[in-house]
Protein backbone atom coordinates (compact mmCIF):
# COMPACT_ATOMS: atom_id res chain seq x y z
CA MET A 1 0.00 0.00 0.00
CA PRO A 2 1.34 3.47 -0.84
CA SER A 3 2.60 5.48 2.08
CA GLY A 4 0.13 8.05 3.30
CA CYS A 5 -2.79 5.92 2.15
CA TYR A 6 -5.55 5.65 4.73
CA LEU A 7 -8.23 2.98 4.52
CA GLN A 8 -11.42 3.28 6.49
CA PRO A 9 -13.65 0.21 6.70
CA ILE A 10 -17.29 0.95 5.95
CA LYS A 11 -20.20 -1.34 6.77
CA PRO A 12 -22.97 -0.63 4.23
CA ASP A 13 -26.47 -0.23 5.61
CA LEU A 14 -28.21 -1.20 2.35
CA ASP A 15 -27.99 -4.30 0.16
CA LYS A 16 -26.23 -4.21 -3.26
CA ILE A 17 -29.39 -3.52 -5.24
CA GLU A 18 -30.49 -0.70 -2.93
CA ARG A 19 -26.99 0.83 -3.09
CA ALA A 20 -27.02 0.70 -6.90
CA GLU A 21 -30.49 2.25 -7.02
CA ALA A 22 -29.35 5.08 -4.75
CA ALA A 23 -26.24 5.65 -6.90
CA SER A 24 -28.34 5.78 -10.06
CA ILE A 25 -29.70 9.17 -8.94
CA ALA A 26 -26.24 10.75 -9.17
CA ILE A 27 -25.48 8.90 -12.41
CA GLU A 28 -28.74 9.97 -14.09
CA ALA A 29 -28.19 13.56 -12.89
CA GLY A 30 -24.85 13.62 -14.73
CA ARG A 31 -22.70 13.86 -11.61
CA VAL A 32 -20.72 10.68 -12.40
CA HIS A 33 -18.23 10.62 -15.27
CA LEU A 34 -16.23 7.71 -16.63
CA PRO A 35 -13.19 7.97 -18.87
CA THR A 36 -13.84 7.49 -22.58
CA GLU A 37 -11.06 4.92 -22.73
CA ALA A 38 -9.70 2.56 -20.08
CA PRO A 39 -8.65 -1.10 -20.19
CA TRP A 40 -11.38 -2.03 -17.67
CA LEU A 41 -14.22 0.09 -19.12
CA ALA A 42 -15.83 -2.60 -21.33
CA ASN A 43 -15.92 -5.00 -18.38
CA LEU A 44 -17.52 -2.36 -16.11
CA LYS A 45 -20.16 -1.53 -18.72
CA LYS A 46 -20.98 -5.24 -19.08
CA GLU A 47 -21.36 -5.56 -15.30
CA ILE A 48 -23.65 -2.53 -15.25
CA ARG A 49 -25.81 -3.95 -18.08
CA ASP A 50 -25.99 -7.39 -16.39
CA PHE A 51 -26.62 -6.08 -12.87
CA PRO A 52 -27.84 -7.63 -10.58
CA ARG A 53 -27.24 -10.94 -12.34
CA GLY A 54 -23.70 -12.26 -12.54
CA HIS A 55 -20.49 -10.68 -11.35
CA ASP A 56 -21.16 -7.30 -9.71
CA ASP A 57 -18.13 -6.31 -7.63
CA GLN A 58 -17.29 -3.26 -9.75
CA VAL A 59 -20.90 -2.05 -9.74
CA ASP A 60 -21.10 -2.41 -5.97
CA SER A 61 -17.75 -0.67 -5.44
CA MET A 62 -18.82 2.17 -7.72
CA ALA A 63 -22.14 2.54 -5.89
CA GLN A 64 -20.37 2.68 -2.53
CA LEU A 65 -17.91 5.30 -3.83
CA ILE A 66 -20.77 7.41 -5.20
CA HIS A 67 -22.52 7.19 -1.83
CA PHE A 68 -19.31 8.19 -0.04
CA VAL A 69 -18.73 11.21 -2.29
CA GLU A 70 -22.38 12.32 -2.34
CA THR A 71 -22.93 12.11 1.41
CA ARG A 72 -19.72 13.94 2.27
CA LYS A 73 -20.16 16.71 -0.31
CA ILE A 74 -16.76 15.99 -1.85
CA TYR A 75 -16.34 17.73 -5.19
CA ALA A 76 -14.33 16.68 -8.24
CA THR A 77 -11.62 19.20 -7.45
CA GLU A 78 -11.17 17.60 -4.04
CA PHE A 79 -11.44 13.95 -5.00
CA LYS A 80 -9.11 12.47 -7.57
CA VAL A 81 -9.19 8.91 -8.85
CA ARG A 82 -6.20 7.47 -10.66
CA TRP A 83 -7.40 5.40 -13.62
CA TYR A 84 -5.04 2.52 -14.33
């Protein structure tokens, strides 16, 4: 783990489907942006299309991140994600 990296465990209070439904509000409002190109993007889009059937770890992680950002009023200038 990189030095200076702080991890905080979070116990979700909703199930995966409820978390995704809550995150869809921010997505539909245009507050969530994905890169136009990334090696993992096709896989994420497939997971989103197939949700809640099949593999859904990326969808759930994205929903939890959206909840974290939305509830803490963190703005894009304050929150940076490194896309690998």
